[in-house]
Amino acid sequence: MKDDNCIFCKLANGEIPTNTIYEDEDFRIILDAEPVSKGHALILPKNHYRNLYELGDNEASKLMPLAKKMAKKMTDILGADGFNILQNSEEVAGQSVFHFHMHLIPRYKGAKNNSTLLGFSHIETNEEEIKAVCEELNK
C-alpha cells in the first residue's frame, strides 16, 4: 500500500527521479540526496510503513540480507574502511521522514565527520539497574 502524500513512497516507486543503485519488487535503494559519506544510501520499501514497528514481516525478513549484500558491494566498490547500517524510528530517535527507511553508510578512515556521525553518548547506570531492565524485558 502506498501513501500518495509520502515523498519516500514517490521516490521508492519511481514517481520522482532518483539515483537508484538497486531495485526489486519490494525495495528501491537510492543514494541519499544529503549524504554524510560517499555512497550513503537509503533502502526504501515500496509499500508505506511509518517506521520499524509497522514494517511488514515479509519486508523485514528480506531487509537484513539485502542490507548485507549492498554493504559488501558498496565496501568493495567504494573502498570503504567500515560501514554503518542505521534505522531511526520516531522523532526522538532521529526519524525525520515518516516512511520506514534504512541508511547504508560507508565509512572512511580520516573522514572529517567520523567522530560526530552518530552523535550519542553512554548513560550512567549500574549493574542493579541493568538487571532490573533485563527482568522487565524477560517477563
N, C-alpha and C. Protein backbone atom coordinates (compact mmCIF):
# COMPACT_ATOMS: atom_id res chain seq x y z
N MET A 1 0.84 -1.17 0.00
CA MET A 1 0.00 0.00 0.00
C MET A 1 0.89 1.24 0.00
N LYS A 2 0.58 2.21 -0.83
CA LYS A 2 1.30 3.46 -0.93
C LYS A 2 0.50 4.57 -0.24
N ASP A 3 1.24 5.60 0.18
CA ASP A 3 0.62 6.81 0.70
C ASP A 3 0.89 7.90 -0.34
N ASP A 4 -0.14 8.39 -0.99
CA ASP A 4 0.02 9.37 -2.07
C ASP A 4 0.63 10.68 -1.61
N ASN A 5 0.65 10.93 -0.31
CA ASN A 5 1.23 12.17 0.21
C ASN A 5 2.65 11.99 0.74
N CYS A 6 3.21 10.81 0.58
CA CYS A 6 4.54 10.49 1.14
C CYS A 6 5.62 10.63 0.07
N ILE A 7 6.58 11.51 0.32
CA ILE A 7 7.68 11.72 -0.64
C ILE A 7 8.50 10.45 -0.84
N PHE A 8 8.71 9.67 0.24
CA PHE A 8 9.50 8.45 0.10
C PHE A 8 8.74 7.38 -0.67
N CYS A 9 7.42 7.34 -0.58
CA CYS A 9 6.64 6.43 -1.43
C CYS A 9 6.87 6.78 -2.90
N LYS A 10 6.86 8.07 -3.18
CA LYS A 10 7.07 8.52 -4.57
C LYS A 10 8.47 8.19 -5.05
N LEU A 11 9.47 8.36 -4.19
CA LEU A 11 10.84 8.01 -4.55
C LEU A 11 10.98 6.50 -4.75
N ALA A 12 10.42 5.72 -3.82
CA ALA A 12 10.54 4.26 -3.87
C ALA A 12 9.86 3.66 -5.08
N ASN A 13 8.82 4.30 -5.56
CA ASN A 13 8.04 3.76 -6.67
C ASN A 13 8.33 4.43 -8.01
N GLY A 14 9.40 5.21 -8.07
CA GLY A 14 9.85 5.78 -9.34
C GLY A 14 9.04 6.95 -9.84
N GLU A 15 8.22 7.56 -9.00
CA GLU A 15 7.43 8.72 -9.43
C GLU A 15 8.27 10.00 -9.44
N ILE A 16 9.37 9.99 -8.72
CA ILE A 16 10.32 11.10 -8.68
C ILE A 16 11.67 10.51 -9.06
N PRO A 17 12.42 11.16 -9.95
CA PRO A 17 13.74 10.63 -10.35
C PRO A 17 14.69 10.51 -9.15
N THR A 18 15.45 9.42 -9.13
CA THR A 18 16.41 9.16 -8.06
C THR A 18 17.71 8.64 -8.66
N ASN A 19 18.73 8.59 -7.85
CA ASN A 19 19.97 7.90 -8.19
C ASN A 19 19.86 6.50 -7.59
N THR A 20 19.18 5.63 -8.33
CA THR A 20 18.89 4.27 -7.86
C THR A 20 20.10 3.38 -8.07
N ILE A 21 20.46 2.61 -7.03
CA ILE A 21 21.57 1.66 -7.15
C ILE A 21 21.10 0.21 -7.05
N TYR A 22 19.82 0.00 -6.70
CA TYR A 22 19.26 -1.34 -6.63
C TYR A 22 17.74 -1.22 -6.61
N GLU A 23 17.08 -2.20 -7.24
CA GLU A 23 15.62 -2.25 -7.17
C GLU A 23 15.15 -3.68 -7.35
N ASP A 24 14.14 -4.07 -6.57
CA ASP A 24 13.45 -5.33 -6.77
C ASP A 24 11.96 -5.07 -6.53
N GLU A 25 11.16 -6.11 -6.38
CA GLU A 25 9.71 -5.91 -6.26
C GLU A 25 9.31 -5.26 -4.94
N ASP A 26 10.16 -5.34 -3.92
CA ASP A 26 9.81 -4.81 -2.60
C ASP A 26 10.54 -3.52 -2.22
N PHE A 27 11.75 -3.33 -2.76
CA PHE A 27 12.61 -2.22 -2.32
C PHE A 27 13.24 -1.48 -3.48
N ARG A 28 13.57 -0.22 -3.22
CA ARG A 28 14.44 0.57 -4.08
C ARG A 28 15.51 1.13 -3.17
N ILE A 29 16.76 1.06 -3.60
CA ILE A 29 17.85 1.66 -2.84
C ILE A 29 18.36 2.84 -3.65
N ILE A 30 18.37 4.00 -3.00
CA ILE A 30 18.78 5.23 -3.68
C ILE A 30 19.92 5.89 -2.91
N LEU A 31 20.74 6.64 -3.62
CA LEU A 31 21.74 7.44 -2.94
C LEU A 31 21.04 8.59 -2.25
N ASP A 32 21.45 8.87 -1.00
CA ASP A 32 20.86 9.94 -0.21
C ASP A 32 21.19 11.28 -0.86
N ALA A 33 20.20 12.16 -0.95
CA ALA A 33 20.39 13.49 -1.55
C ALA A 33 21.24 14.39 -0.67
N GLU A 34 21.34 14.07 0.62
CA GLU A 34 22.17 14.83 1.56
C GLU A 34 23.06 13.85 2.32
N PRO A 35 24.06 13.27 1.62
CA PRO A 35 24.85 12.20 2.21
C PRO A 35 25.78 12.68 3.33
N VAL A 36 26.02 11.76 4.27
CA VAL A 36 27.01 12.02 5.31
C VAL A 36 28.36 11.39 4.97
N SER A 37 28.39 10.58 3.91
CA SER A 37 29.64 10.00 3.42
C SER A 37 29.44 9.62 1.95
N LYS A 38 30.54 9.38 1.26
CA LYS A 38 30.48 8.93 -0.13
C LYS A 38 29.76 7.59 -0.20
N GLY A 39 28.66 7.53 -0.96
CA GLY A 39 27.91 6.29 -1.12
C GLY A 39 26.75 6.12 -0.17
N HIS A 40 26.52 7.08 0.73
CA HIS A 40 25.40 7.00 1.68
C HIS A 40 24.11 6.75 0.90
N ALA A 41 23.42 5.68 1.24
CA ALA A 41 22.21 5.27 0.52
C ALA A 41 21.08 4.97 1.49
N LEU A 42 19.87 4.91 0.94
CA LEU A 42 18.67 4.59 1.71
C LEU A 42 17.98 3.39 1.10
N ILE A 43 17.63 2.42 1.93
CA ILE A 43 16.78 1.32 1.49
C ILE A 43 15.34 1.75 1.78
N LEU A 44 14.53 1.83 0.73
CA LEU A 44 13.14 2.25 0.85
C LEU A 44 12.21 1.11 0.45
N PRO A 45 11.32 0.68 1.33
CA PRO A 45 10.30 -0.28 0.88
C PRO A 45 9.32 0.44 -0.05
N LYS A 46 8.81 -0.28 -1.02
CA LYS A 46 7.86 0.32 -1.96
C LYS A 46 6.48 0.51 -1.32
N ASN A 47 6.16 -0.30 -0.32
CA ASN A 47 4.94 -0.09 0.44
C ASN A 47 5.21 0.90 1.56
N HIS A 48 4.17 1.59 1.98
CA HIS A 48 4.33 2.58 3.04
C HIS A 48 4.18 1.96 4.42
N TYR A 49 5.21 2.16 5.22
CA TYR A 49 5.20 1.82 6.65
C TYR A 49 5.80 3.02 7.36
N ARG A 50 5.15 3.49 8.40
CA ARG A 50 5.62 4.68 9.10
C ARG A 50 7.01 4.47 9.69
N ASN A 51 7.26 3.29 10.28
CA ASN A 51 8.50 3.05 10.99
C ASN A 51 8.72 1.54 11.14
N LEU A 52 9.72 1.18 11.91
CA LEU A 52 10.05 -0.23 12.12
C LEU A 52 8.89 -1.00 12.73
N TYR A 53 8.14 -0.35 13.61
CA TYR A 53 7.04 -1.04 14.30
C TYR A 53 5.94 -1.46 13.32
N GLU A 54 5.79 -0.74 12.23
CA GLU A 54 4.74 -1.04 11.25
C GLU A 54 5.25 -1.85 10.06
N LEU A 55 6.57 -1.99 9.92
CA LEU A 55 7.15 -2.69 8.77
C LEU A 55 6.58 -4.10 8.68
N GLY A 56 6.17 -4.49 7.48
CA GLY A 56 5.63 -5.82 7.27
C GLY A 56 6.67 -6.91 7.52
N ASP A 57 6.23 -8.04 8.05
CA ASP A 57 7.14 -9.14 8.34
C ASP A 57 7.83 -9.65 7.07
N ASN A 58 7.12 -9.66 5.95
CA ASN A 58 7.70 -10.10 4.69
C ASN A 58 8.89 -9.22 4.31
N GLU A 59 8.68 -7.90 4.36
CA GLU A 59 9.77 -6.97 4.03
C GLU A 59 10.89 -7.06 5.07
N ALA A 60 10.51 -7.18 6.34
CA ALA A 60 11.51 -7.26 7.40
C ALA A 60 12.43 -8.46 7.20
N SER A 61 11.87 -9.58 6.77
CA SER A 61 12.69 -10.79 6.59
C SER A 61 13.66 -10.66 5.42
N LYS A 62 13.39 -9.77 4.50
CA LYS A 62 14.26 -9.56 3.34
C LYS A 62 15.26 -8.43 3.56
N LEU A 63 15.01 -7.61 4.56
CA LEU A 63 15.78 -6.39 4.74
C LEU A 63 17.24 -6.60 5.09
N MET A 64 17.53 -7.39 6.11
CA MET A 64 18.93 -7.54 6.53
C MET A 64 19.77 -8.27 5.49
N PRO A 65 19.29 -9.33 4.83
CA PRO A 65 20.09 -9.92 3.76
C PRO A 65 20.39 -8.91 2.64
N LEU A 66 19.42 -8.05 2.33
CA LEU A 66 19.64 -7.03 1.31
C LEU A 66 20.66 -6.00 1.79
N ALA A 67 20.53 -5.55 3.03
CA ALA A 67 21.49 -4.58 3.58
C ALA A 67 22.90 -5.17 3.59
N LYS A 68 23.02 -6.43 3.97
CA LYS A 68 24.34 -7.08 3.98
C LYS A 68 24.93 -7.16 2.58
N LYS A 69 24.13 -7.57 1.62
CA LYS A 69 24.58 -7.68 0.23
C LYS A 69 25.07 -6.33 -0.28
N MET A 70 24.29 -5.28 -0.02
CA MET A 70 24.66 -3.96 -0.52
C MET A 70 25.86 -3.39 0.23
N ALA A 71 25.95 -3.64 1.54
CA ALA A 71 27.11 -3.15 2.30
C ALA A 71 28.39 -3.77 1.76
N LYS A 72 28.35 -5.05 1.48
CA LYS A 72 29.53 -5.74 0.91
C LYS A 72 29.88 -5.15 -0.45
N LYS A 73 28.88 -5.00 -1.31
CA LYS A 73 29.13 -4.45 -2.65
C LYS A 73 29.68 -3.03 -2.56
N MET A 74 29.07 -2.20 -1.73
CA MET A 74 29.50 -0.80 -1.61
C MET A 74 30.90 -0.70 -1.01
N THR A 75 31.19 -1.55 -0.02
CA THR A 75 32.53 -1.56 0.58
C THR A 75 33.57 -1.93 -0.46
N ASP A 76 33.31 -2.99 -1.22
CA ASP A 76 34.26 -3.44 -2.24
C ASP A 76 34.47 -2.39 -3.32
N ILE A 77 33.40 -1.83 -3.83
CA ILE A 77 33.50 -0.89 -4.96
C ILE A 77 34.02 0.48 -4.54
N LEU A 78 33.56 0.97 -3.40
CA LEU A 78 33.92 2.32 -2.97
C LEU A 78 35.17 2.36 -2.08
N GLY A 79 35.65 1.21 -1.67
CA GLY A 79 36.85 1.16 -0.84
C GLY A 79 36.63 1.65 0.58
N ALA A 80 35.43 1.44 1.12
CA ALA A 80 35.14 1.86 2.48
C ALA A 80 35.96 1.05 3.48
N ASP A 81 36.25 1.68 4.61
CA ASP A 81 37.01 1.03 5.66
C ASP A 81 36.13 0.43 6.75
N GLY A 82 34.85 0.75 6.70
CA GLY A 82 33.87 0.25 7.65
C GLY A 82 32.49 0.62 7.16
N PHE A 83 31.48 0.30 7.96
CA PHE A 83 30.12 0.51 7.48
C PHE A 83 29.16 0.66 8.65
N ASN A 84 28.21 1.58 8.53
CA ASN A 84 27.10 1.69 9.47
C ASN A 84 25.81 1.35 8.75
N ILE A 85 24.97 0.58 9.42
CA ILE A 85 23.60 0.36 8.98
C ILE A 85 22.74 0.96 10.08
N LEU A 86 21.92 1.94 9.72
CA LEU A 86 21.22 2.73 10.72
C LEU A 86 19.75 2.85 10.36
N GLN A 87 18.89 2.72 11.37
CA GLN A 87 17.46 2.90 11.18
C GLN A 87 16.92 3.66 12.38
N ASN A 88 16.21 4.75 12.13
CA ASN A 88 15.63 5.58 13.18
C ASN A 88 14.11 5.42 13.14
N SER A 89 13.52 5.14 14.29
CA SER A 89 12.05 5.05 14.37
C SER A 89 11.54 6.07 15.38
N GLU A 90 10.79 7.01 14.87
CA GLU A 90 10.16 8.11 15.60
C GLU A 90 11.13 9.27 15.79
N GLU A 91 10.54 10.43 15.99
CA GLU A 91 11.28 11.69 16.03
C GLU A 91 12.37 11.69 17.10
N VAL A 92 12.08 11.19 18.28
CA VAL A 92 13.04 11.20 19.37
C VAL A 92 14.30 10.39 19.02
N ALA A 93 14.17 9.46 18.08
CA ALA A 93 15.29 8.63 17.64
C ALA A 93 15.96 9.19 16.39
N GLY A 94 15.49 10.34 15.90
CA GLY A 94 16.11 10.96 14.74
C GLY A 94 15.37 10.77 13.43
N GLN A 95 14.20 10.13 13.44
CA GLN A 95 13.45 9.96 12.21
C GLN A 95 12.83 11.29 11.81
N SER A 96 13.08 11.71 10.56
CA SER A 96 12.53 12.99 10.10
C SER A 96 11.55 12.81 8.94
N VAL A 97 11.62 11.68 8.25
CA VAL A 97 10.65 11.34 7.21
C VAL A 97 9.95 10.07 7.69
N PHE A 98 8.64 10.12 7.79
CA PHE A 98 7.91 9.03 8.44
C PHE A 98 7.41 7.99 7.42
N HIS A 99 8.40 7.43 6.74
CA HIS A 99 8.28 6.26 5.86
C HIS A 99 9.51 5.44 6.24
N PHE A 100 9.31 4.21 6.69
CA PHE A 100 10.45 3.39 7.11
C PHE A 100 11.56 3.47 6.07
N HIS A 101 12.78 3.65 6.52
CA HIS A 101 13.94 3.58 5.65
C HIS A 101 15.16 3.21 6.48
N MET A 102 16.10 2.58 5.84
CA MET A 102 17.34 2.16 6.48
C MET A 102 18.50 2.84 5.76
N HIS A 103 19.39 3.43 6.54
CA HIS A 103 20.57 4.09 5.99
C HIS A 103 21.71 3.09 5.83
N LEU A 104 22.35 3.11 4.69
CA LEU A 104 23.58 2.37 4.44
C LEU A 104 24.68 3.43 4.33
N ILE A 105 25.62 3.42 5.29
CA ILE A 105 26.61 4.50 5.36
C ILE A 105 28.03 3.92 5.33
N PRO A 106 28.68 3.98 4.17
CA PRO A 106 30.09 3.57 4.12
C PRO A 106 30.92 4.54 4.96
N ARG A 107 31.92 4.02 5.65
CA ARG A 107 32.79 4.85 6.49
C ARG A 107 34.22 4.77 5.98
N TYR A 108 34.92 5.88 6.09
CA TYR A 108 36.27 6.00 5.55
C TYR A 108 37.21 6.55 6.62
N LYS A 109 38.36 5.91 6.78
CA LYS A 109 39.36 6.41 7.72
C LYS A 109 39.73 7.85 7.36
N GLY A 110 39.82 8.68 8.37
CA GLY A 110 40.23 10.07 8.16
C GLY A 110 39.13 11.01 7.71
N ALA A 111 37.89 10.52 7.56
CA ALA A 111 36.79 11.39 7.14
C ALA A 111 36.54 12.43 8.23
N LYS A 112 36.20 13.65 7.82
CA LYS A 112 36.10 14.76 8.77
C LYS A 112 34.97 14.59 9.79
N ASN A 113 33.92 13.84 9.47
CA ASN A 113 32.79 13.72 10.40
C ASN A 113 32.75 12.38 11.14
N ASN A 114 33.82 11.64 11.16
CA ASN A 114 33.80 10.31 11.79
C ASN A 114 33.40 10.35 13.25
N SER A 115 33.83 11.37 13.99
CA SER A 115 33.55 11.38 15.43
C SER A 115 32.16 11.88 15.77
N THR A 116 31.48 12.53 14.83
CA THR A 116 30.17 13.11 15.13
C THR A 116 29.03 12.44 14.38
N LEU A 117 29.31 11.49 13.55
CA LEU A 117 28.29 10.92 12.68
C LEU A 117 27.10 10.35 13.43
N LEU A 118 27.32 9.60 14.48
CA LEU A 118 26.21 9.01 15.20
C LEU A 118 25.79 9.84 16.40
N GLY A 119 26.68 10.59 16.98
CA GLY A 119 26.37 11.60 17.97
C GLY A 119 25.60 11.15 19.20
N PHE A 120 25.94 10.05 19.81
CA PHE A 120 25.31 9.70 21.08
C PHE A 120 26.40 9.35 22.08
N SER A 121 26.05 9.44 23.36
CA SER A 121 26.99 9.09 24.41
C SER A 121 26.31 8.11 25.36
N HIS A 122 27.10 7.43 26.15
CA HIS A 122 26.57 6.41 27.07
C HIS A 122 25.95 7.06 28.30
N ILE A 123 24.91 6.42 28.83
CA ILE A 123 24.28 6.91 30.05
C ILE A 123 25.00 6.31 31.26
N GLU A 124 24.84 6.95 32.39
CA GLU A 124 25.38 6.39 33.62
C GLU A 124 24.37 5.39 34.17
N THR A 125 24.84 4.22 34.52
CA THR A 125 23.98 3.17 35.07
C THR A 125 24.81 2.28 35.97
N ASN A 126 24.18 1.29 36.55
CA ASN A 126 24.91 0.32 37.36
C ASN A 126 24.32 -1.07 37.11
N GLU A 127 24.98 -2.06 37.64
CA GLU A 127 24.58 -3.44 37.40
C GLU A 127 23.15 -3.71 37.88
N GLU A 128 22.76 -3.12 38.99
CA GLU A 128 21.42 -3.32 39.52
C GLU A 128 20.35 -2.80 38.56
N GLU A 129 20.57 -1.61 38.00
CA GLU A 129 19.61 -1.05 37.04
C GLU A 129 19.56 -1.89 35.77
N ILE A 130 20.70 -2.37 35.32
CA ILE A 130 20.74 -3.19 34.12
C ILE A 130 19.98 -4.51 34.35
N LYS A 131 20.19 -5.11 35.52
CA LYS A 131 19.46 -6.35 35.85
C LYS A 131 17.95 -6.11 35.91
N ALA A 132 17.52 -4.95 36.45
CA ALA A 132 16.11 -4.64 36.54
C ALA A 132 15.49 -4.52 35.15
N VAL A 133 16.20 -3.89 34.23
CA VAL A 133 15.71 -3.78 32.84
C VAL A 133 15.63 -5.17 32.22
N CYS A 134 16.63 -5.99 32.46
CA CYS A 134 16.65 -7.36 31.94
C CYS A 134 15.44 -8.14 32.44
N GLU A 135 15.14 -8.02 33.72
CA GLU A 135 13.99 -8.71 34.30
C GLU A 135 12.68 -8.22 33.68
N GLU A 136 12.57 -6.92 33.48
CA GLU A 136 11.36 -6.36 32.85
C GLU A 136 11.14 -6.93 31.46
N LEU A 137 12.21 -6.99 30.70
CA LEU A 137 12.11 -7.46 29.31
C LEU A 137 11.89 -8.96 29.21
N ASN A 138 12.23 -9.68 30.26
CA ASN A 138 12.05 -11.13 30.25
C ASN A 138 10.75 -11.60 30.87
N LYS A 139 9.86 -10.68 31.23
CA LYS A 139 8.56 -11.06 31.83
C LYS A 139 7.67 -11.69 30.79
